């Protein structure tokens, strides 16, 4: 077995184990107008990753590369992102492992401002998000212009801790959480759709929770 195969299997096993651990924790509702089908509300914010996280010492020197089908590629520090003019949103978070956390408060840059900044070419139709831990997620550009989609750098008024994807992460509230890539290091605008880490392993390419698009067969 190659090192890459071992990494992939470890990642998947860790996600399954952590999801199982939280499945019965703090369940408060299984029927709620804000809950997508098959979800359970929780008051905690479970941590689902392999544990490959950046240290806090990396935060001050963090760079986000924005490139691909754009007119103005950028390499931005967190402070430079803040200068674009961030805002605060309150959004629900829906994980494909069937838990939902309501009313999380995030601060970040609306993705529309990122679009305006880098000026995608007419050929750009999709975006791939790249992460510190080799993770990748994809989304159609049309999904990312919605008002609550942000590049987030604060959670509940504080810098995002590594366990929740800091120093910066995507937040795409209308899709299952795996699309909201943690530890964001790259935003790549592309002509073609490039399935991400979970998509190539059988998860849905669209990930819309209200119609339970969990797997590619859904």
N, C-alpha and C. Protein backbone atom coordinates (compact mmCIF):
# COMPACT_ATOMS: atom_id res chain seq x y z
N UNK A 1 0.84 -1.19 0.00
CA UNK A 1 0.00 0.00 0.00
C UNK A 1 0.88 1.25 0.00
N UNK A 2 0.56 2.19 -0.88
CA UNK A 2 1.36 3.40 -0.98
C UNK A 2 1.11 4.31 0.21
N UNK A 3 2.02 5.29 0.40
CA UNK A 3 1.83 6.26 1.48
C UNK A 3 0.54 7.04 1.29
N UNK A 4 0.21 7.37 0.03
CA UNK A 4 -1.01 8.12 -0.24
C UNK A 4 -2.25 7.30 0.13
N UNK A 5 -2.24 6.01 -0.20
CA UNK A 5 -3.37 5.15 0.15
C UNK A 5 -3.52 5.03 1.66
N UNK A 6 -2.39 4.90 2.38
CA UNK A 6 -2.44 4.84 3.84
C UNK A 6 -3.01 6.13 4.41
N UNK A 7 -2.59 7.27 3.85
CA UNK A 7 -3.10 8.57 4.31
C UNK A 7 -4.60 8.65 4.11
N UNK A 8 -5.07 8.25 2.92
CA UNK A 8 -6.49 8.33 2.61
C UNK A 8 -7.30 7.43 3.53
N UNK A 9 -6.83 6.21 3.76
CA UNK A 9 -7.56 5.29 4.63
C UNK A 9 -7.60 5.80 6.07
N UNK A 10 -6.49 6.37 6.53
CA UNK A 10 -6.46 6.92 7.89
C UNK A 10 -7.43 8.09 8.02
N UNK A 11 -7.49 8.92 7.01
CA UNK A 11 -8.38 10.08 7.03
C UNK A 11 -9.83 9.62 7.12
N UNK A 12 -10.19 8.67 6.26
CA UNK A 12 -11.57 8.19 6.24
C UNK A 12 -11.92 7.50 7.56
N UNK A 13 -11.03 6.67 8.08
CA UNK A 13 -11.28 5.97 9.34
C UNK A 13 -11.46 6.95 10.48
N UNK A 14 -10.63 7.99 10.52
CA UNK A 14 -10.73 8.99 11.58
C UNK A 14 -12.06 9.71 11.52
N UNK A 15 -12.51 10.07 10.34
CA UNK A 15 -13.79 10.76 10.19
C UNK A 15 -14.93 9.88 10.67
N UNK A 16 -14.91 8.61 10.30
CA UNK A 16 -15.97 7.70 10.71
C UNK A 16 -15.98 7.50 12.22
N UNK A 17 -14.81 7.36 12.83
CA UNK A 17 -14.73 7.14 14.27
C UNK A 17 -15.20 8.37 15.04
N UNK A 18 -14.77 9.55 14.60
CA UNK A 18 -15.15 10.76 15.31
C UNK A 18 -16.63 11.05 15.16
N UNK A 19 -17.18 10.77 13.99
CA UNK A 19 -18.61 10.96 13.78
C UNK A 19 -19.41 10.04 14.69
N UNK A 20 -18.98 8.80 14.83
CA UNK A 20 -19.67 7.85 15.70
C UNK A 20 -19.62 8.30 17.16
N UNK A 21 -18.49 8.86 17.57
CA UNK A 21 -18.33 9.32 18.95
C UNK A 21 -19.31 10.43 19.29
N UNK A 22 -19.57 11.31 18.32
CA UNK A 22 -20.44 12.45 18.57
C UNK A 22 -21.90 12.16 18.24
N UNK A 23 -22.17 11.02 17.64
CA UNK A 23 -23.52 10.77 17.13
C UNK A 23 -24.58 10.82 18.23
N UNK A 24 -24.22 10.32 19.43
CA UNK A 24 -25.20 10.27 20.51
C UNK A 24 -25.01 11.38 21.53
N UNK A 25 -24.11 12.32 21.26
CA UNK A 25 -23.77 13.34 22.25
C UNK A 25 -24.66 14.56 22.11
N UNK A 26 -25.35 14.90 23.19
CA UNK A 26 -26.07 16.17 23.26
C UNK A 26 -27.15 16.29 22.19
N UNK A 27 -27.83 15.21 21.89
CA UNK A 27 -28.93 15.31 20.93
C UNK A 27 -30.09 16.04 21.61
N UNK A 28 -30.59 17.08 20.97
CA UNK A 28 -31.68 17.83 21.58
C UNK A 28 -32.91 17.86 20.71
N UNK A 29 -32.78 17.50 19.44
CA UNK A 29 -33.94 17.54 18.56
C UNK A 29 -33.69 16.70 17.33
N UNK A 30 -34.71 15.97 16.92
CA UNK A 30 -34.64 15.26 15.65
C UNK A 30 -35.74 15.73 14.71
N UNK A 31 -36.47 16.75 15.10
CA UNK A 31 -37.52 17.29 14.25
C UNK A 31 -37.58 18.79 14.48
N UNK A 32 -37.20 19.56 13.50
CA UNK A 32 -37.10 21.00 13.65
C UNK A 32 -37.15 21.62 12.27
N UNK A 33 -37.84 22.75 12.15
CA UNK A 33 -38.01 23.38 10.84
C UNK A 33 -36.68 23.78 10.22
N UNK A 34 -35.66 23.99 11.05
CA UNK A 34 -34.35 24.39 10.53
C UNK A 34 -33.43 23.20 10.25
N UNK A 35 -33.89 22.02 10.58
CA UNK A 35 -33.06 20.82 10.38
C UNK A 35 -33.33 20.21 9.01
N UNK A 36 -32.30 20.03 8.20
CA UNK A 36 -32.48 19.27 6.97
C UNK A 36 -32.85 17.82 7.28
N UNK A 37 -33.40 17.10 6.32
CA UNK A 37 -33.77 15.70 6.55
C UNK A 37 -32.58 14.87 7.02
N UNK A 38 -32.84 14.00 8.00
CA UNK A 38 -31.82 13.08 8.46
C UNK A 38 -30.81 13.66 9.42
N UNK A 39 -30.96 14.94 9.80
CA UNK A 39 -30.01 15.59 10.70
C UNK A 39 -30.51 15.59 12.14
N UNK A 40 -29.58 15.72 13.08
CA UNK A 40 -29.88 15.85 14.50
C UNK A 40 -29.18 17.10 15.02
N UNK A 41 -29.90 17.94 15.75
CA UNK A 41 -29.30 19.15 16.30
C UNK A 41 -28.40 18.79 17.48
N UNK A 42 -27.25 19.47 17.57
CA UNK A 42 -26.35 19.32 18.70
C UNK A 42 -25.95 20.69 19.22
N UNK A 43 -25.65 20.78 20.50
CA UNK A 43 -25.21 22.04 21.10
C UNK A 43 -23.69 22.17 21.10
N UNK A 44 -22.99 21.09 20.76
CA UNK A 44 -21.53 21.16 20.65
C UNK A 44 -21.17 21.41 19.19
N UNK A 45 -19.89 21.65 18.94
CA UNK A 45 -19.41 21.81 17.57
C UNK A 45 -18.35 20.73 17.36
N UNK A 46 -18.75 19.53 16.95
CA UNK A 46 -17.81 18.41 16.85
C UNK A 46 -16.63 18.72 15.94
N UNK A 47 -15.53 18.06 16.23
CA UNK A 47 -14.28 18.24 15.46
C UNK A 47 -14.06 16.98 14.63
N UNK A 48 -14.04 17.15 13.32
CA UNK A 48 -13.88 16.01 12.42
C UNK A 48 -12.71 16.27 11.48
N UNK A 49 -11.57 15.74 11.84
CA UNK A 49 -10.42 15.77 10.94
C UNK A 49 -9.43 14.71 11.40
N UNK A 50 -8.32 14.61 10.68
CA UNK A 50 -7.31 13.61 11.02
C UNK A 50 -6.37 14.08 12.12
N UNK A 51 -6.45 15.37 12.46
CA UNK A 51 -5.52 15.93 13.42
C UNK A 51 -4.31 16.55 12.76
N UNK A 52 -4.33 16.67 11.43
CA UNK A 52 -3.23 17.32 10.70
C UNK A 52 -3.58 18.80 10.62
N UNK A 53 -3.14 19.55 11.61
CA UNK A 53 -3.56 20.96 11.74
C UNK A 53 -2.35 21.87 11.83
N UNK A 54 -2.50 23.11 11.38
CA UNK A 54 -1.40 24.07 11.54
C UNK A 54 -1.29 24.50 12.99
N UNK A 55 -0.10 24.83 13.43
CA UNK A 55 0.10 25.35 14.78
C UNK A 55 -0.26 26.83 14.81
N UNK A 56 -0.55 27.32 16.01
CA UNK A 56 -0.85 28.75 16.16
C UNK A 56 0.32 29.61 15.72
N UNK A 57 1.53 29.08 15.82
CA UNK A 57 2.71 29.84 15.43
C UNK A 57 2.71 30.17 13.94
N UNK A 58 1.97 29.40 13.16
CA UNK A 58 1.91 29.66 11.71
C UNK A 58 0.96 30.80 11.35
N UNK A 59 0.06 31.15 12.25
CA UNK A 59 -0.99 32.12 11.91
C UNK A 59 -0.45 33.45 11.37
N UNK A 60 0.53 34.07 12.04
CA UNK A 60 0.97 35.40 11.57
C UNK A 60 1.55 35.40 10.16
N UNK A 61 2.09 34.27 9.71
CA UNK A 61 2.73 34.22 8.39
C UNK A 61 1.87 33.52 7.35
N UNK A 62 0.62 33.27 7.68
CA UNK A 62 -0.25 32.52 6.77
C UNK A 62 -0.50 33.29 5.48
N UNK A 63 -0.50 32.58 4.38
CA UNK A 63 -0.79 33.17 3.08
C UNK A 63 -1.90 32.38 2.39
N UNK A 64 -2.77 33.10 1.73
CA UNK A 64 -3.80 32.50 0.91
C UNK A 64 -3.52 32.85 -0.54
N UNK A 65 -3.30 31.83 -1.36
CA UNK A 65 -3.03 32.03 -2.78
C UNK A 65 -4.35 31.91 -3.55
N UNK A 66 -4.63 32.91 -4.38
CA UNK A 66 -5.85 32.91 -5.21
C UNK A 66 -5.39 33.00 -6.66
N UNK A 67 -5.74 32.00 -7.45
CA UNK A 67 -5.10 31.87 -8.76
C UNK A 67 -5.99 31.09 -9.72
N UNK A 68 -5.45 30.77 -10.88
CA UNK A 68 -6.20 30.02 -11.88
C UNK A 68 -6.78 30.94 -12.93
N UNK A 69 -8.04 30.75 -13.25
CA UNK A 69 -8.72 31.54 -14.27
C UNK A 69 -9.16 32.89 -13.69
N UNK A 70 -8.16 33.72 -13.38
CA UNK A 70 -8.43 35.05 -12.82
C UNK A 70 -7.56 36.08 -13.52
N UNK A 71 -8.04 37.30 -13.54
CA UNK A 71 -7.27 38.38 -14.16
C UNK A 71 -6.21 38.94 -13.24
N UNK A 72 -6.45 38.84 -11.91
CA UNK A 72 -5.52 39.41 -10.94
C UNK A 72 -5.24 38.40 -9.83
N UNK A 73 -4.31 37.48 -10.03
CA UNK A 73 -3.96 36.53 -8.96
C UNK A 73 -3.48 37.27 -7.72
N UNK A 74 -3.73 36.69 -6.56
CA UNK A 74 -3.35 37.34 -5.30
C UNK A 74 -2.68 36.35 -4.37
N UNK A 75 -1.78 36.87 -3.54
CA UNK A 75 -1.19 36.13 -2.42
C UNK A 75 -1.38 37.01 -1.20
N UNK A 76 -2.33 36.65 -0.34
CA UNK A 76 -2.78 37.55 0.71
C UNK A 76 -2.53 37.00 2.10
N UNK A 77 -2.09 37.87 3.00
CA UNK A 77 -2.02 37.54 4.42
C UNK A 77 -3.42 37.69 5.02
N UNK A 78 -3.58 37.23 6.25
CA UNK A 78 -4.87 37.38 6.91
C UNK A 78 -5.22 38.86 7.06
N UNK A 79 -4.23 39.68 7.38
CA UNK A 79 -4.48 41.11 7.53
C UNK A 79 -4.91 41.73 6.21
N UNK A 80 -4.31 41.32 5.12
CA UNK A 80 -4.72 41.84 3.81
C UNK A 80 -6.14 41.42 3.46
N UNK A 81 -6.53 40.23 3.86
CA UNK A 81 -7.91 39.81 3.66
C UNK A 81 -8.87 40.68 4.47
N UNK A 82 -8.50 40.95 5.71
CA UNK A 82 -9.34 41.79 6.56
C UNK A 82 -9.56 43.17 5.93
N UNK A 83 -8.55 43.67 5.26
CA UNK A 83 -8.64 45.00 4.67
C UNK A 83 -9.62 45.07 3.50
N UNK A 84 -10.04 43.91 3.00
CA UNK A 84 -11.05 43.91 1.95
C UNK A 84 -12.41 44.34 2.49
N UNK A 85 -12.57 44.27 3.79
CA UNK A 85 -13.84 44.68 4.40
C UNK A 85 -14.71 43.50 4.73
N UNK A 86 -14.49 42.95 5.92
CA UNK A 86 -15.24 41.77 6.34
C UNK A 86 -16.56 42.12 6.98
N UNK A 87 -17.32 41.10 7.28
CA UNK A 87 -18.59 41.26 7.96
C UNK A 87 -18.89 40.03 8.79
N UNK A 88 -19.92 40.12 9.61
CA UNK A 88 -20.30 39.03 10.50
C UNK A 88 -21.60 38.39 10.02
N UNK A 89 -21.65 37.07 10.06
CA UNK A 89 -22.88 36.35 9.75
C UNK A 89 -23.15 35.34 10.86
N UNK A 90 -24.40 34.98 11.01
CA UNK A 90 -24.79 33.88 11.88
C UNK A 90 -25.41 32.82 10.98
N UNK A 91 -24.88 31.60 11.05
CA UNK A 91 -25.32 30.56 10.13
C UNK A 91 -25.36 29.21 10.82
N UNK A 92 -26.20 28.33 10.31
CA UNK A 92 -26.26 26.95 10.77
C UNK A 92 -25.25 26.13 9.98
N UNK A 93 -24.72 25.10 10.63
CA UNK A 93 -23.69 24.25 10.02
C UNK A 93 -24.21 22.81 10.00
N UNK A 94 -24.24 22.21 8.82
CA UNK A 94 -24.79 20.86 8.66
C UNK A 94 -23.70 19.91 8.19
N UNK A 95 -23.37 18.93 9.02
CA UNK A 95 -22.34 17.95 8.68
C UNK A 95 -22.99 16.72 8.04
N UNK A 96 -22.32 16.16 7.06
CA UNK A 96 -22.84 14.97 6.38
C UNK A 96 -22.96 13.78 7.33
N UNK A 97 -22.24 13.81 8.46
CA UNK A 97 -22.34 12.72 9.43
C UNK A 97 -23.55 12.87 10.35
N UNK A 98 -24.50 13.72 9.92
CA UNK A 98 -25.87 13.80 10.45
C UNK A 98 -26.05 14.66 11.69
N UNK A 99 -25.11 15.53 12.00
CA UNK A 99 -25.36 16.51 13.06
C UNK A 99 -25.42 17.91 12.47
N UNK A 100 -26.19 18.77 13.14
CA UNK A 100 -26.29 20.18 12.76
C UNK A 100 -26.10 21.05 13.98
N UNK A 101 -25.37 22.13 13.81
CA UNK A 101 -25.15 23.09 14.89
C UNK A 101 -25.73 24.42 14.44
N UNK A 102 -26.68 24.95 15.23
CA UNK A 102 -27.35 26.20 14.86
C UNK A 102 -26.59 27.42 15.37
N UNK A 103 -26.77 28.53 14.66
CA UNK A 103 -26.39 29.87 15.13
C UNK A 103 -24.92 30.03 15.47
N UNK A 104 -24.05 29.54 14.63
CA UNK A 104 -22.62 29.83 14.79
C UNK A 104 -22.34 31.21 14.20
N UNK A 105 -21.55 31.98 14.93
CA UNK A 105 -21.27 33.36 14.51
C UNK A 105 -19.86 33.44 13.92
N UNK A 106 -19.79 33.81 12.65
CA UNK A 106 -18.53 33.87 11.91
C UNK A 106 -18.27 35.29 11.43
N UNK A 107 -17.00 35.62 11.30
CA UNK A 107 -16.59 36.88 10.68
C UNK A 107 -15.64 36.54 9.53
N UNK A 108 -15.85 37.21 8.41
CA UNK A 108 -14.98 36.95 7.27
C UNK A 108 -15.33 37.81 6.07
N UNK A 109 -14.70 37.48 4.95
CA UNK A 109 -14.85 38.24 3.72
C UNK A 109 -15.91 37.58 2.85
N UNK A 110 -16.96 38.31 2.46
CA UNK A 110 -17.90 37.72 1.51
C UNK A 110 -17.17 37.24 0.26
N UNK A 111 -17.51 36.05 -0.19
CA UNK A 111 -16.80 35.52 -1.35
C UNK A 111 -16.99 36.40 -2.58
N UNK A 112 -18.09 37.12 -2.64
CA UNK A 112 -18.29 38.04 -3.75
C UNK A 112 -17.19 39.10 -3.79
N UNK A 113 -16.70 39.52 -2.62
CA UNK A 113 -15.60 40.49 -2.60
C UNK A 113 -14.31 39.87 -3.13
N UNK A 114 -14.10 38.60 -2.84
CA UNK A 114 -12.94 37.90 -3.40
C UNK A 114 -13.04 37.87 -4.92
N UNK A 115 -14.23 37.56 -5.41
CA UNK A 115 -14.45 37.54 -6.86
C UNK A 115 -14.15 38.91 -7.47
N UNK A 116 -14.68 39.95 -6.86
CA UNK A 116 -14.45 41.30 -7.38
C UNK A 116 -12.96 41.66 -7.36
N UNK A 117 -12.24 41.15 -6.38
CA UNK A 117 -10.82 41.46 -6.20
C UNK A 117 -9.96 40.81 -7.27
N UNK A 118 -10.21 39.53 -7.54
CA UNK A 118 -9.32 38.79 -8.45
C UNK A 118 -9.80 38.77 -9.89
N UNK A 119 -11.05 39.14 -10.11
CA UNK A 119 -11.62 39.26 -11.46
C UNK A 119 -11.48 37.97 -12.27
N UNK A 120 -12.30 36.97 -11.98
CA UNK A 120 -12.27 35.72 -12.75
C UNK A 120 -12.51 35.98 -14.24
N UNK A 121 -11.90 35.16 -15.06
CA UNK A 121 -12.12 35.26 -16.50
C UNK A 121 -13.51 34.74 -16.84
N UNK A 122 -13.93 35.00 -18.06
CA UNK A 122 -15.24 34.53 -18.52
C UNK A 122 -15.32 33.01 -18.53
N UNK A 123 -14.17 32.36 -18.60
CA UNK A 123 -14.14 30.89 -18.66
C UNK A 123 -14.28 30.24 -17.28
N UNK A 124 -14.09 30.99 -16.20
CA UNK A 124 -14.14 30.42 -14.85
C UNK A 124 -15.57 30.04 -14.48
N UNK A 125 -15.77 28.77 -14.16
CA UNK A 125 -17.10 28.28 -13.80
C UNK A 125 -17.11 27.51 -12.48
N UNK A 126 -15.92 27.13 -12.02
CA UNK A 126 -15.82 26.32 -10.80
C UNK A 126 -14.67 26.83 -9.94
N UNK A 127 -14.66 26.38 -8.69
CA UNK A 127 -13.58 26.74 -7.76
C UNK A 127 -13.16 25.48 -7.00
N UNK A 128 -11.86 25.32 -6.84
CA UNK A 128 -11.31 24.28 -5.98
C UNK A 128 -10.62 24.94 -4.79
N UNK A 129 -10.95 24.48 -3.59
CA UNK A 129 -10.34 25.00 -2.37
C UNK A 129 -9.26 24.02 -1.91
N UNK A 130 -8.08 24.54 -1.61
CA UNK A 130 -6.95 23.72 -1.20
C UNK A 130 -6.60 24.03 0.26
N UNK A 131 -6.23 22.98 1.00
CA UNK A 131 -6.01 23.11 2.43
C UNK A 131 -4.61 22.68 2.84
N UNK A 132 -4.22 23.13 4.02
CA UNK A 132 -2.92 22.81 4.62
C UNK A 132 -2.69 21.31 4.74
N UNK A 133 -3.74 20.55 5.00
CA UNK A 133 -3.63 19.10 5.24
C UNK A 133 -3.81 18.26 3.98
N UNK A 134 -3.64 18.87 2.82
CA UNK A 134 -3.76 18.21 1.51
C UNK A 134 -5.21 17.96 1.10
N UNK A 135 -6.13 18.46 1.87
CA UNK A 135 -7.55 18.32 1.55
C UNK A 135 -7.90 19.24 0.39
N UNK A 136 -8.95 18.89 -0.34
CA UNK A 136 -9.48 19.76 -1.40
C UNK A 136 -10.99 19.58 -1.46
N UNK A 137 -11.68 20.66 -1.79
CA UNK A 137 -13.14 20.62 -1.99
C UNK A 137 -13.47 21.48 -3.19
N UNK A 138 -14.54 21.14 -3.86
CA UNK A 138 -14.92 21.87 -5.07
C UNK A 138 -16.33 22.42 -4.95
N UNK A 139 -16.60 23.46 -5.73
CA UNK A 139 -17.94 24.04 -5.78
C UNK A 139 -18.11 24.80 -7.08
N UNK A 140 -19.34 24.87 -7.55
CA UNK A 140 -19.64 25.69 -8.71
C UNK A 140 -19.58 27.16 -8.32
N UNK A 141 -19.09 27.99 -9.20
CA UNK A 141 -18.97 29.41 -8.90
C UNK A 141 -20.33 30.01 -8.54
N UNK A 142 -21.38 29.51 -9.16
CA UNK A 142 -22.71 30.02 -8.86
C UNK A 142 -23.14 29.82 -7.43
N UNK A 143 -22.63 28.78 -6.76
CA UNK A 143 -22.95 28.55 -5.34
C UNK A 143 -22.26 29.56 -4.44
N UNK A 144 -21.17 30.12 -4.91
CA UNK A 144 -20.30 30.91 -4.04
C UNK A 144 -20.64 32.39 -4.02
N UNK A 145 -21.57 32.82 -4.86
CA UNK A 145 -21.95 34.23 -4.88
C UNK A 145 -23.12 34.50 -3.93
N UNK A 146 -23.60 33.49 -3.24
CA UNK A 146 -24.70 33.68 -2.30
C UNK A 146 -24.21 34.47 -1.08
N UNK A 147 -25.08 35.28 -0.47
CA UNK A 147 -24.64 36.27 0.53
C UNK A 147 -23.89 35.72 1.73
N UNK A 148 -24.24 34.53 2.22
CA UNK A 148 -23.62 34.01 3.44
C UNK A 148 -22.35 33.21 3.19
N UNK A 149 -21.88 33.13 1.97
CA UNK A 149 -20.63 32.41 1.68
C UNK A 149 -19.46 33.34 1.94
N UNK A 150 -18.57 32.94 2.86
CA UNK A 150 -17.47 33.81 3.25
C UNK A 150 -16.16 33.03 3.38
N UNK A 151 -15.06 33.76 3.28
CA UNK A 151 -13.76 33.27 3.72
C UNK A 151 -13.63 33.73 5.17
N UNK A 152 -13.76 32.80 6.11
CA UNK A 152 -13.90 33.16 7.52
C UNK A 152 -12.55 33.19 8.23
N UNK A 153 -12.38 34.17 9.13
CA UNK A 153 -11.17 34.25 9.95
C UNK A 153 -11.49 34.41 11.44
N UNK A 154 -12.76 34.50 11.82
CA UNK A 154 -13.14 34.53 13.24
C UNK A 154 -14.36 33.65 13.46
N UNK A 155 -14.40 33.03 14.64
CA UNK A 155 -15.53 32.23 15.09
C UNK A 155 -15.91 32.70 16.47
N UNK A 156 -17.15 33.13 16.63
CA UNK A 156 -17.65 33.66 17.90
C UNK A 156 -16.77 34.81 18.41
N UNK A 157 -16.33 35.66 17.51
CA UNK A 157 -15.59 36.86 17.88
C UNK A 157 -14.12 36.67 18.16
N UNK A 158 -13.60 35.46 17.96
CA UNK A 158 -12.18 35.18 18.20
C UNK A 158 -11.59 34.51 16.97
N UNK A 159 -10.25 34.57 16.84
CA UNK A 159 -9.63 33.88 15.71
C UNK A 159 -10.02 32.41 15.74
N UNK A 160 -10.19 31.84 14.58
CA UNK A 160 -10.65 30.45 14.49
C UNK A 160 -9.53 29.53 14.99
N UNK A 161 -9.79 28.69 15.99
CA UNK A 161 -8.75 27.78 16.47
C UNK A 161 -8.47 26.69 15.43
N UNK A 162 -7.29 26.09 15.49
CA UNK A 162 -6.95 25.06 14.49
C UNK A 162 -7.97 23.93 14.42
N UNK A 163 -8.52 23.53 15.56
CA UNK A 163 -9.45 22.39 15.52
C UNK A 163 -10.73 22.69 14.74
N UNK A 164 -11.02 23.97 14.53
CA UNK A 164 -12.19 24.33 13.73
C UNK A 164 -11.81 24.97 12.40
N UNK A 165 -10.55 24.75 11.99
CA UNK A 165 -10.18 25.11 10.63
C UNK A 165 -9.37 26.37 10.45
N UNK A 166 -8.94 27.01 11.57
CA UNK A 166 -8.18 28.23 11.46
C UNK A 166 -6.78 28.01 10.89
N UNK A 167 -6.15 29.12 10.49
CA UNK A 167 -6.57 30.49 10.73
C UNK A 167 -7.67 31.01 9.81
N UNK A 168 -7.80 30.45 8.60
CA UNK A 168 -8.90 30.84 7.72
C UNK A 168 -9.51 29.58 7.11
N UNK A 169 -10.79 29.66 6.87
CA UNK A 169 -11.50 28.53 6.28
C UNK A 169 -12.66 29.05 5.43
N UNK A 170 -13.16 28.21 4.56
CA UNK A 170 -14.37 28.54 3.83
C UNK A 170 -15.58 28.29 4.71
N UNK A 171 -16.65 29.01 4.42
CA UNK A 171 -17.94 28.73 5.02
C UNK A 171 -18.99 28.85 3.90
N UNK A 172 -19.58 27.71 3.57
CA UNK A 172 -20.63 27.64 2.54
C UNK A 172 -21.84 27.02 3.23
N UNK A 173 -22.64 27.81 3.97
CA UNK A 173 -23.65 27.25 4.87
C UNK A 173 -24.73 26.43 4.18
N UNK A 174 -25.01 26.72 2.91
CA UNK A 174 -26.11 26.03 2.24
C UNK A 174 -25.73 24.63 1.76
N UNK A 175 -24.45 24.25 1.94
CA UNK A 175 -23.98 22.92 1.55
C UNK A 175 -23.49 22.16 2.79
N UNK A 176 -23.40 20.84 2.68
CA UNK A 176 -22.83 20.06 3.78
C UNK A 176 -21.42 20.55 4.10
N UNK A 177 -21.04 20.38 5.35
CA UNK A 177 -19.83 21.00 5.87
C UNK A 177 -18.53 20.61 5.19
N UNK A 178 -18.47 19.43 4.55
CA UNK A 178 -17.19 19.06 3.95
C UNK A 178 -16.79 19.99 2.80
N UNK A 179 -17.75 20.75 2.27
CA UNK A 179 -17.43 21.71 1.21
C UNK A 179 -16.75 22.96 1.78
N UNK A 180 -16.90 23.20 3.08
CA UNK A 180 -16.32 24.39 3.74
C UNK A 180 -14.91 24.07 4.21
N UNK A 181 -13.98 24.06 3.29
CA UNK A 181 -12.62 23.60 3.55
C UNK A 181 -11.95 24.35 4.69
N UNK A 182 -11.30 23.58 5.57
CA UNK A 182 -10.53 24.15 6.69
C UNK A 182 -9.11 24.50 6.25
N UNK A 183 -8.41 25.22 7.11
CA UNK A 183 -6.97 25.51 6.94
C UNK A 183 -6.68 25.99 5.51
N UNK A 184 -7.45 26.95 5.04
CA UNK A 184 -7.44 27.31 3.63
C UNK A 184 -6.11 27.94 3.21
N UNK A 185 -5.50 27.36 2.19
CA UNK A 185 -4.24 27.89 1.65
C UNK A 185 -4.36 28.31 0.20
N UNK A 186 -5.37 27.81 -0.51
CA UNK A 186 -5.49 28.14 -1.92
C UNK A 186 -6.93 28.16 -2.40
N UNK A 187 -7.22 29.13 -3.27
CA UNK A 187 -8.51 29.19 -3.96
C UNK A 187 -8.19 29.22 -5.44
N UNK A 188 -8.59 28.17 -6.14
CA UNK A 188 -8.25 28.03 -7.56
C UNK A 188 -9.51 28.09 -8.42
N UNK A 189 -9.58 29.10 -9.27
CA UNK A 189 -10.70 29.23 -10.21
C UNK A 189 -10.38 28.39 -11.45
N UNK A 190 -11.35 27.59 -11.89
CA UNK A 190 -11.09 26.66 -12.99
C UNK A 190 -12.20 26.69 -14.04
N UNK A 191 -11.85 26.22 -15.23
CA UNK A 191 -12.84 26.06 -16.29
C UNK A 191 -13.70 24.82 -16.04
N UNK A 192 -13.05 23.74 -15.60
CA UNK A 192 -13.73 22.47 -15.43
C UNK A 192 -13.91 22.16 -13.95
N UNK A 193 -14.89 21.31 -13.67
CA UNK A 193 -15.14 20.88 -12.30
C UNK A 193 -14.13 19.80 -11.92
N UNK A 194 -13.47 19.97 -10.78
CA UNK A 194 -12.48 19.01 -10.30
C UNK A 194 -12.93 18.45 -8.96
N UNK A 195 -13.44 17.24 -8.94
CA UNK A 195 -13.91 16.66 -7.68
C UNK A 195 -12.84 16.69 -6.59
N UNK A 196 -13.28 16.98 -5.36
CA UNK A 196 -12.36 17.10 -4.25
C UNK A 196 -12.11 15.78 -3.54
N UNK A 197 -11.54 15.88 -2.33
CA UNK A 197 -11.11 14.70 -1.58
C UNK A 197 -12.25 13.70 -1.38
N UNK A 198 -13.40 14.18 -0.87
CA UNK A 198 -14.50 13.26 -0.59
C UNK A 198 -15.30 12.93 -1.83
N UNK A 199 -15.36 13.84 -2.77
CA UNK A 199 -16.13 13.59 -3.99
C UNK A 199 -15.58 12.39 -4.78
N UNK A 200 -14.26 12.27 -4.84
CA UNK A 200 -13.68 11.14 -5.58
C UNK A 200 -13.83 9.83 -4.81
N UNK A 201 -14.27 9.91 -3.56
CA UNK A 201 -14.48 8.72 -2.74
C UNK A 201 -15.96 8.41 -2.56
N UNK A 202 -16.79 8.95 -3.44
CA UNK A 202 -18.19 8.56 -3.46
C UNK A 202 -19.18 9.52 -2.85
N UNK A 203 -18.71 10.66 -2.33
CA UNK A 203 -19.63 11.65 -1.78
C UNK A 203 -20.20 12.51 -2.91
N UNK A 204 -21.35 13.12 -2.65
CA UNK A 204 -22.04 13.91 -3.66
C UNK A 204 -21.18 15.07 -4.15
N UNK A 205 -21.30 15.39 -5.41
CA UNK A 205 -20.58 16.54 -5.94
C UNK A 205 -21.26 17.84 -5.57
N UNK A 206 -22.55 17.79 -5.24
CA UNK A 206 -23.33 19.01 -4.98
C UNK A 206 -23.55 19.28 -3.50
N UNK A 207 -23.82 18.23 -2.70
CA UNK A 207 -23.83 18.33 -1.23
C UNK A 207 -24.90 19.25 -0.67
N UNK A 208 -26.10 19.21 -1.24
CA UNK A 208 -27.18 20.05 -0.74
C UNK A 208 -27.96 19.31 0.35
N UNK A 209 -27.90 19.81 1.60
CA UNK A 209 -28.49 19.06 2.71
C UNK A 209 -30.01 18.94 2.67
N UNK A 210 -30.69 19.93 2.10
CA UNK A 210 -32.15 19.90 2.15
C UNK A 210 -32.75 18.84 1.24
N UNK A 211 -31.95 18.30 0.33
CA UNK A 211 -32.42 17.15 -0.45
C UNK A 211 -31.51 15.93 -0.22
N UNK A 212 -30.77 15.96 0.87
CA UNK A 212 -29.93 14.84 1.33
C UNK A 212 -28.99 14.31 0.24
N UNK A 213 -28.25 15.20 -0.36
CA UNK A 213 -27.24 14.78 -1.33
C UNK A 213 -25.95 14.44 -0.59
N UNK A 214 -25.94 13.29 0.05
CA UNK A 214 -24.77 12.86 0.82
C UNK A 214 -23.76 12.12 -0.05
N UNK A 215 -24.27 11.26 -0.90
CA UNK A 215 -23.41 10.40 -1.72
C UNK A 215 -23.72 10.58 -3.19
N UNK A 216 -22.80 10.17 -4.03
CA UNK A 216 -22.97 10.37 -5.47
C UNK A 216 -24.18 9.63 -6.01
N UNK A 217 -24.64 8.60 -5.28
CA UNK A 217 -25.81 7.83 -5.71
C UNK A 217 -27.12 8.48 -5.31
N UNK A 218 -27.08 9.52 -4.46
CA UNK A 218 -28.31 10.17 -3.97
C UNK A 218 -28.91 11.08 -5.04
